[in-house]
Amino acid sequence: MRTGRPIAPLSVTAEERERLQEWARRPKTTQALALRSRIVLECAACQPNMVVAGKLGITHQTVGKWRQRFLEQRLDGLLDEPRPGAPRQVSDAQIERVVRMTLERTPADATHWSTRAMARRSGLSQTMVSRIWRAFALQPHRVEGFKLSKDPLFVEKVRDIAGLYLNPPDRALVLCVDEKAQIQALDRSQPLLPMRPGQAERRSADYVRHGTINLFAALDAKAGTVIGEFHRRHRTAEFKSFLETIDAAVPSELELHLILDNYGTHKTAPIKRWLLRHPRFHLHFTPTGGSWLNLVERWFALLTEKQLRRGVHRSTRELQDAIRSYLDHHNRNPKPFIWTKTADQILESVARFCKRISNSGH
């Protein structure tokens, strides 16, 4: 009776078994590796190749191949070997040249590179330039703005306001207060053409002005609700009127901490006298050029995006009604902005940025 060639015994260590079981459990990706792992695990249970093949629904030659590969190379033998591909068309030197030109030079006829201009200059295809830029996260067409505060009390103010957001005082309300000034009631000179399948909404480029209003807003940093009030102007008198509105709207047993910018009407003598008569009000001023610390600015951005930018208003009354409707809708389902950065994290980020621009050579 023929017994065939003797099969070398196969055993696995505890570490190898754990890795093989991990590979074998893969539900979707690398199924070839999962099958090879199951073959080795079955063989390690002293199963003959024919039994393993029948159990896994494969040929006994496949079982023998991966059994022998594991015996010779262990886990590395189950992995796919690198496969040769098409030869590279672009050298490292060419890639480096594109990156250096993108970062260090500008074209003669423009302020920044386009893929076509860089392709002509480098001798590569436009597609290859796009691939190189994506690989190195280069976007010459984009530009972002920044502004560093020169306030001598910048550090102290950042710590004060970030502390209010992260650790508000007990029995107190933190309100982010500001004015959105000179909101224009704009109407288009010709009727809008509404959106339809295959065509975006169209509107005339010119518009008709119907006056302006000023919105005073106080955002509850914890609850997300907003107290709003409209005024024709934004002088000391209007700001004091808004403070009285806040005073009436908030229960008297709560202290009030107001975060404001450095606009002149916030610091006039009449306002200081009014604050002396209302000691529960405490003002916290953002650094000069640091309005990003005031969360109500984020709410103003949402108001502009959702209601004002594409709105059509034939009078200031229509504009007020639209904003008031947005306010009511927002307050029925408020979603507060969550402040996460500590003062130390903010200051470290500013320090890193200052170091970068100080070494930029400009």
Protein backbone atom coordinates (compact mmCIF):
# COMPACT_ATOMS: atom_id res chain seq x y z
CA MET A 1 0.00 0.00 0.00
CA ARG A 2 1.35 3.45 -0.98
CA THR A 3 1.66 5.90 1.86
CA GLY A 4 3.18 8.87 -0.06
CA ARG A 5 5.86 11.17 1.13
CA PRO A 6 6.09 11.74 4.86
CA ILE A 7 4.73 15.12 5.97
CA ALA A 8 6.86 17.19 8.30
CA PRO A 9 5.04 17.96 11.56
CA LEU A 10 3.79 21.55 11.88
CA SER A 11 3.51 23.40 15.17
CA VAL A 12 2.95 27.05 16.03
CA THR A 13 3.96 29.15 19.00
CA ALA A 14 1.40 30.98 21.13
CA GLU A 15 2.39 34.28 19.52
CA GLU A 16 2.10 32.82 16.01
CA ARG A 17 -1.30 31.30 16.84
CA GLU A 18 -2.60 34.65 18.07
CA ARG A 19 -1.44 36.39 14.88
CA LEU A 20 -2.87 33.62 12.66
CA GLN A 21 -6.23 33.79 14.41
CA GLU A 22 -6.25 37.57 13.96
CA TRP A 23 -5.59 37.22 10.23
CA ALA A 24 -8.16 34.42 9.87
CA ARG A 25 -10.93 36.59 11.38
CA ARG A 26 -10.64 39.33 8.77
CA PRO A 27 -14.17 39.76 7.43
CA LYS A 28 -13.58 41.64 4.17
CA THR A 29 -10.03 42.59 3.24
CA THR A 30 -7.04 40.34 2.47
CA GLN A 31 -9.08 37.15 2.16
CA ALA A 32 -6.12 35.32 0.61
CA LEU A 33 -4.13 35.89 3.82
CA ALA A 34 -7.14 34.81 5.93
CA LEU A 35 -7.40 31.51 4.00
CA ARG A 36 -3.68 30.80 4.37
CA SER A 37 -3.95 31.41 8.11
CA ARG A 38 -6.84 28.95 8.40
CA ILE A 39 -4.81 26.35 6.45
CA VAL A 40 -1.89 26.63 8.88
CA LEU A 41 -4.17 26.52 11.94
CA GLU A 42 -5.85 23.35 10.67
CA CYS A 43 -2.48 21.77 9.88
CA ALA A 44 -1.23 22.68 13.34
CA ALA A 45 -4.09 20.55 14.72
CA CYS A 46 -2.36 17.49 13.15
CA GLN A 47 -4.87 17.26 10.30
CA PRO A 48 -3.70 15.58 7.05
CA ASN A 49 -3.59 17.72 3.94
CA MET A 50 -6.53 15.91 2.34
CA VAL A 51 -8.73 16.48 5.39
CA VAL A 52 -7.79 20.18 5.56
CA ALA A 53 -8.46 20.55 1.82
CA GLY A 54 -11.91 18.98 2.13
CA LYS A 55 -12.79 21.07 5.17
CA LEU A 56 -11.80 24.36 3.54
CA GLY A 57 -13.01 23.53 0.02
CA ILE A 58 -9.60 23.80 -1.68
CA THR A 59 -7.16 21.43 -3.35
CA HIS A 60 -4.63 19.40 -1.34
CA GLN A 61 -1.87 20.95 -3.51
CA THR A 62 -2.81 24.39 -2.11
CA VAL A 63 -2.68 23.04 1.42
CA GLY A 64 0.73 21.49 0.77
CA LYS A 65 2.08 24.71 -0.74
CA TRP A 66 1.21 26.93 2.24
CA ARG A 67 2.12 24.27 4.79
CA GLN A 68 5.60 24.07 3.30
CA ARG A 69 5.86 27.85 2.96
CA PHE A 70 5.06 28.27 6.66
CA LEU A 71 7.56 25.61 7.67
CA GLU A 72 10.29 27.39 5.72
CA GLN A 73 9.54 31.06 6.45
CA ARG A 74 6.99 31.02 9.29
CA LEU A 75 4.55 33.95 9.29
CA ASP A 76 6.47 35.90 6.64
CA GLY A 77 5.91 33.05 4.22
CA LEU A 78 2.15 33.68 4.20
CA LEU A 79 2.48 37.27 3.03
CA ASP A 80 2.41 38.24 -0.63
CA GLU A 81 5.76 39.01 -2.16
CA PRO A 82 6.23 42.43 -3.78
CA ARG A 83 5.04 42.35 -7.36
CA PRO A 84 6.93 44.20 -10.09
CA GLY A 85 5.02 47.06 -11.68
CA ALA A 86 5.57 49.43 -14.54
CA PRO A 87 8.91 51.24 -14.40
CA ARG A 88 8.83 54.72 -12.89
CA GLN A 89 8.39 57.53 -15.38
CA VAL A 90 9.41 60.34 -13.00
CA SER A 91 12.63 60.41 -11.00
CA ASP A 92 13.09 61.64 -7.44
CA ALA A 93 15.05 64.58 -8.79
CA GLN A 94 12.13 65.68 -10.96
CA ILE A 95 9.72 65.40 -8.03
CA GLU A 96 12.06 67.42 -5.83
CA ARG A 97 12.35 70.08 -8.55
CA VAL A 98 8.56 70.46 -8.77
CA VAL A 99 8.23 70.73 -4.98
CA ARG A 100 11.07 73.26 -4.70
CA MET A 101 9.69 75.44 -7.50
CA THR A 102 6.21 75.33 -5.96
CA LEU A 103 7.51 76.43 -2.57
CA GLU A 104 10.28 78.83 -3.52
CA ARG A 105 9.34 80.46 -6.85
CA THR A 106 6.40 82.03 -8.64
CA PRO A 107 5.64 82.12 -12.37
CA ALA A 108 6.56 85.26 -14.27
CA ASP A 109 2.95 86.14 -15.14
CA ALA A 110 1.08 85.20 -11.95
CA THR A 111 1.22 85.27 -8.16
CA HIS A 112 0.97 81.47 -7.82
CA TRP A 113 1.40 78.29 -9.80
CA SER A 114 -1.34 76.41 -11.62
CA THR A 115 -0.97 72.77 -12.66
CA ARG A 116 -0.73 73.79 -16.33
CA ALA A 117 1.91 76.44 -15.68
CA MET A 118 3.96 74.05 -13.56
CA ALA A 119 3.61 71.32 -16.20
CA ARG A 120 4.98 73.64 -18.90
CA ARG A 121 7.85 74.75 -16.67
CA SER A 122 8.82 71.29 -15.40
CA GLY A 123 8.22 69.29 -18.58
CA LEU A 124 5.88 66.88 -16.79
CA SER A 125 2.22 66.25 -17.52
CA GLN A 126 -0.51 68.20 -15.74
CA THR A 127 -1.76 64.96 -14.17
CA MET A 128 1.68 64.18 -12.76
CA VAL A 129 1.98 67.68 -11.27
CA SER A 130 -1.43 67.20 -9.61
CA ARG A 131 -0.28 63.87 -8.15
CA ILE A 132 2.91 65.38 -6.76
CA TRP A 133 1.02 68.28 -5.19
CA ARG A 134 -1.51 65.92 -3.60
CA ALA A 135 1.27 63.70 -2.26
CA PHE A 136 2.96 66.69 -0.57
CA ALA A 137 -0.32 68.46 0.38
CA LEU A 138 0.54 71.52 -1.73
CA GLN A 139 -2.33 73.84 -2.77
CA PRO A 140 -0.91 76.97 -4.44
CA HIS A 141 -4.41 78.22 -5.38
CA ARG A 142 -5.46 78.51 -1.73
CA VAL A 143 -4.60 81.23 0.74
CA GLU A 144 -5.68 81.67 4.35
CA GLY A 145 -5.65 84.78 6.48
CA PHE A 146 -4.33 85.29 9.99
CA LYS A 147 -3.95 88.09 12.47
CA LEU A 148 -1.78 88.13 15.56
CA SER A 149 -2.97 90.26 18.42
CA LYS A 150 -0.58 92.97 19.64
CA ASP A 151 -2.50 93.47 22.88
CA PRO A 152 0.04 93.73 25.75
CA LEU A 153 -2.45 91.85 27.97
CA PHE A 154 -3.06 89.10 25.41
CA VAL A 155 -1.98 86.24 27.68
CA GLU A 156 -4.04 87.43 30.65
CA LYS A 157 -7.17 87.95 28.53
CA VAL A 158 -6.87 84.55 26.85
CA ARG A 159 -6.57 82.85 30.24
CA ASP A 160 -9.52 84.83 31.58
CA ILE A 161 -11.91 84.04 28.71
CA ALA A 162 -10.86 80.41 28.16
CA GLY A 163 -11.29 79.90 31.91
CA LEU A 164 -14.86 81.25 31.71
CA TYR A 165 -15.71 78.81 28.92
CA LEU A 166 -14.15 75.74 30.52
CA ASN A 167 -14.86 76.48 34.20
CA PRO A 168 -17.75 78.95 34.48
CA PRO A 169 -18.43 80.37 37.97
CA ASP A 170 -21.20 78.88 40.10
CA ARG A 171 -24.60 80.59 40.04
CA ALA A 172 -23.51 82.72 37.12
CA LEU A 173 -24.27 83.05 33.41
CA VAL A 174 -21.56 83.57 30.78
CA LEU A 175 -22.84 85.65 27.85
CA CYS A 176 -20.93 86.39 24.65
CA VAL A 177 -22.05 89.87 23.56
CA ASP A 178 -21.46 91.79 20.36
CA GLU A 179 -23.14 93.90 17.67
CA LYS A 180 -23.54 92.92 14.05
CA ALA A 181 -23.58 96.44 12.64
CA GLN A 182 -24.89 97.83 9.37
CA ILE A 183 -26.81 94.77 8.17
CA GLN A 184 -28.15 95.80 4.77
CA ALA A 185 -31.68 95.13 3.55
CA LEU A 186 -30.92 94.20 -0.07
CA ASP A 187 -33.33 93.53 -2.91
CA ARG A 188 -32.35 92.39 -6.39
CA SER A 189 -33.00 94.76 -9.28
CA GLN A 190 -34.77 91.98 -11.22
CA PRO A 191 -36.79 88.93 -10.13
CA LEU A 192 -34.97 85.76 -9.13
CA LEU A 193 -35.00 82.81 -11.49
CA PRO A 194 -35.64 79.79 -9.24
CA MET A 195 -33.62 76.60 -9.25
CA ARG A 196 -34.76 73.78 -11.50
CA PRO A 197 -33.28 70.43 -12.55
CA GLY A 198 -29.90 71.00 -14.16
CA GLN A 199 -29.83 74.73 -13.39
CA ALA A 200 -28.90 76.65 -10.25
CA GLU A 201 -30.87 79.61 -8.94
CA ARG A 202 -29.98 82.77 -10.87
CA ARG A 203 -30.09 86.36 -9.69
CA SER A 204 -29.05 89.70 -11.08
CA ALA A 205 -25.60 90.95 -10.13
CA ASP A 206 -26.84 94.40 -9.07
CA TYR A 207 -29.10 95.13 -6.11
CA VAL A 208 -31.13 97.87 -4.45
CA ARG A 209 -30.42 99.02 -0.89
CA HIS A 210 -33.33 99.62 1.48
CA GLY A 211 -31.48 100.75 4.60
CA THR A 212 -29.54 99.09 7.41
CA ILE A 213 -30.16 97.79 10.91
CA ASN A 214 -27.91 96.84 13.81
CA LEU A 215 -28.34 93.57 15.70
CA PHE A 216 -27.23 93.37 19.33
CA ALA A 217 -26.84 89.74 20.45
CA ALA A 218 -25.93 87.91 23.65
CA LEU A 219 -25.14 84.19 23.31
CA ASP A 220 -25.48 81.98 26.38
CA ALA A 221 -22.19 80.07 26.19
CA LYS A 222 -23.60 77.03 28.02
CA ALA A 223 -27.19 76.76 26.73
CA GLY A 224 -26.66 78.17 23.23
CA THR A 225 -29.71 80.47 23.36
CA VAL A 226 -29.45 84.05 22.08
CA ILE A 227 -30.95 87.32 23.32
CA GLY A 228 -31.34 89.68 20.35
CA GLU A 229 -32.36 93.28 19.95
CA PHE A 230 -32.51 95.64 16.95
CA HIS A 231 -31.45 99.29 16.88
CA ARG A 232 -31.07 101.90 14.17
CA ARG A 233 -27.68 102.91 15.49
CA HIS A 234 -25.02 101.39 17.74
CA ARG A 235 -23.98 104.13 20.14
CA THR A 236 -23.59 104.13 23.92
CA ALA A 237 -27.31 104.70 24.39
CA GLU A 238 -28.21 101.62 22.34
CA PHE A 239 -25.64 99.46 24.11
CA LYS A 240 -26.94 100.57 27.52
CA SER A 241 -30.48 99.73 26.38
CA PHE A 242 -29.31 96.23 25.43
CA LEU A 243 -27.67 95.79 28.84
CA GLU A 244 -31.00 96.66 30.43
CA THR A 245 -32.68 94.06 28.19
CA ILE A 246 -30.18 91.43 29.39
CA ASP A 247 -30.74 92.51 33.00
CA ALA A 248 -34.50 92.03 32.63
CA ALA A 249 -34.20 88.68 30.81
CA VAL A 250 -31.85 86.94 33.28
CA PRO A 251 -33.02 85.99 36.80
CA SER A 252 -31.74 88.44 39.38
CA GLU A 253 -30.05 85.78 41.53
CA LEU A 254 -27.50 85.01 38.80
CA GLU A 255 -24.22 86.82 38.30
CA LEU A 256 -23.56 87.91 34.71
CA HIS A 257 -20.17 87.61 33.02
CA LEU A 258 -20.16 89.34 29.63
CA ILE A 259 -17.46 88.65 27.02
CA LEU A 260 -17.09 91.64 24.70
CA ASP A 261 -14.68 93.17 22.22
CA ASN A 262 -12.94 96.53 22.63
CA TYR A 263 -15.46 98.67 20.72
CA GLY A 264 -15.53 102.21 22.09
CA THR A 265 -19.17 102.20 23.22
CA HIS A 266 -18.42 99.35 25.63
CA LYS A 267 -16.10 101.53 27.75
CA THR A 268 -17.70 104.98 27.88
CA ALA A 269 -18.38 106.86 31.11
CA PRO A 270 -22.20 106.32 30.98
CA ILE A 271 -21.64 102.56 30.66
CA LYS A 272 -19.22 102.56 33.60
CA ARG A 273 -21.75 104.45 35.72
CA TRP A 274 -24.48 102.01 34.71
CA LEU A 275 -22.27 99.06 35.69
CA LEU A 276 -21.65 100.60 39.12
CA ARG A 277 -25.43 100.59 39.68
CA HIS A 278 -25.64 96.95 38.52
CA PRO A 279 -22.83 95.13 40.35
CA ARG A 280 -23.85 91.68 39.14
CA PHE A 281 -22.49 92.57 35.67
CA HIS A 282 -18.81 91.70 35.08
CA LEU A 283 -17.20 92.60 31.74
CA HIS A 284 -14.39 90.53 30.19
CA PHE A 285 -12.76 92.06 27.12
CA THR A 286 -11.19 90.02 24.33
CA PRO A 287 -7.67 91.00 23.23
CA THR A 288 -7.37 93.60 20.49
CA GLY A 289 -7.61 91.67 17.22
CA GLY A 290 -8.83 88.58 19.08
CA SER A 291 -12.54 88.53 18.29
CA TRP A 292 -12.22 84.78 17.55
CA LEU A 293 -12.37 84.30 21.32
CA ASN A 294 -15.98 85.54 21.34
CA LEU A 295 -18.33 82.66 20.51
CA VAL A 296 -21.11 84.97 19.38
CA GLU A 297 -19.02 85.68 16.28
CA ARG A 298 -19.53 82.04 15.28
CA TRP A 299 -23.28 82.50 15.68
CA PHE A 300 -23.14 85.63 13.51
CA ALA A 301 -21.38 83.56 10.84
CA LEU A 302 -24.24 81.03 10.89
CA LEU A 303 -26.79 83.84 10.66
CA THR A 304 -25.00 85.25 7.60
CA GLU A 305 -24.68 81.86 5.94
CA LYS A 306 -28.22 80.67 6.55
CA GLN A 307 -30.27 83.87 6.40
CA LEU A 308 -28.49 86.97 5.13
CA ARG A 309 -26.15 86.09 2.26
CA ARG A 310 -28.87 84.93 -0.13
CA GLY A 311 -31.79 86.72 1.49
CA VAL A 312 -33.93 89.22 -0.40
CA HIS A 313 -35.45 91.96 1.75
CA ARG A 314 -37.45 94.92 0.42
CA SER A 315 -37.32 96.88 3.66
CA THR A 316 -35.60 96.93 7.03
CA ARG A 317 -38.84 95.60 8.52
CA GLU A 318 -38.63 92.51 6.30
CA LEU A 319 -35.00 92.08 7.30
CA GLN A 320 -35.85 92.32 11.00
CA ASP A 321 -38.67 89.81 10.61
CA ALA A 322 -36.34 87.35 8.86
CA ILE A 323 -33.67 87.64 11.58
CA ARG A 324 -36.27 87.45 14.35
CA SER A 325 -37.70 84.29 12.78
CA TYR A 326 -34.20 82.79 12.65
CA LEU A 327 -33.67 83.75 16.31
CA ASP A 328 -36.92 82.09 17.39
CA HIS A 329 -36.12 78.93 15.44
CA HIS A 330 -32.61 78.80 16.92
CA ASN A 331 -33.83 79.30 20.50
CA ARG A 332 -36.41 76.53 20.18
CA ASN A 333 -33.63 74.04 19.47
CA PRO A 334 -30.36 75.62 20.62
CA LYS A 335 -27.05 73.88 20.00
CA PRO A 336 -24.23 75.43 22.03
CA PHE A 337 -20.74 75.78 20.63
CA ILE A 338 -18.41 73.62 22.71
CA TRP A 339 -15.11 75.29 23.63
CA THR A 340 -12.35 72.67 23.97
CA LYS A 341 -8.99 74.48 23.94
CA THR A 342 -7.34 75.42 27.21
CA ALA A 343 -5.46 78.69 27.52
CA ASP A 344 -2.14 76.82 27.54
CA GLN A 345 -2.99 75.01 24.29
CA ILE A 346 -3.96 78.31 22.63
CA LEU A 347 -0.77 80.05 23.75
CA GLU A 348 1.39 77.12 22.65
CA SER A 349 -0.25 77.21 19.21
CA VAL A 350 0.36 80.97 18.92
CA ALA A 351 3.98 80.49 19.99
CA ARG A 352 4.54 77.82 17.32
CA PHE A 353 3.00 80.08 14.68
CA CYS A 354 5.14 83.06 15.72
CA LYS A 355 8.24 80.88 15.47
CA ARG A 356 7.27 79.79 11.94
CA ILE A 357 6.69 83.29 10.59
CA SER A 358 9.80 84.65 12.30
CA ASN A 359 11.86 82.11 10.32
CA SER A 360 10.04 82.57 7.01
CA GLY A 361 12.56 85.05 5.65
CA HIS A 362 9.93 87.71 4.84
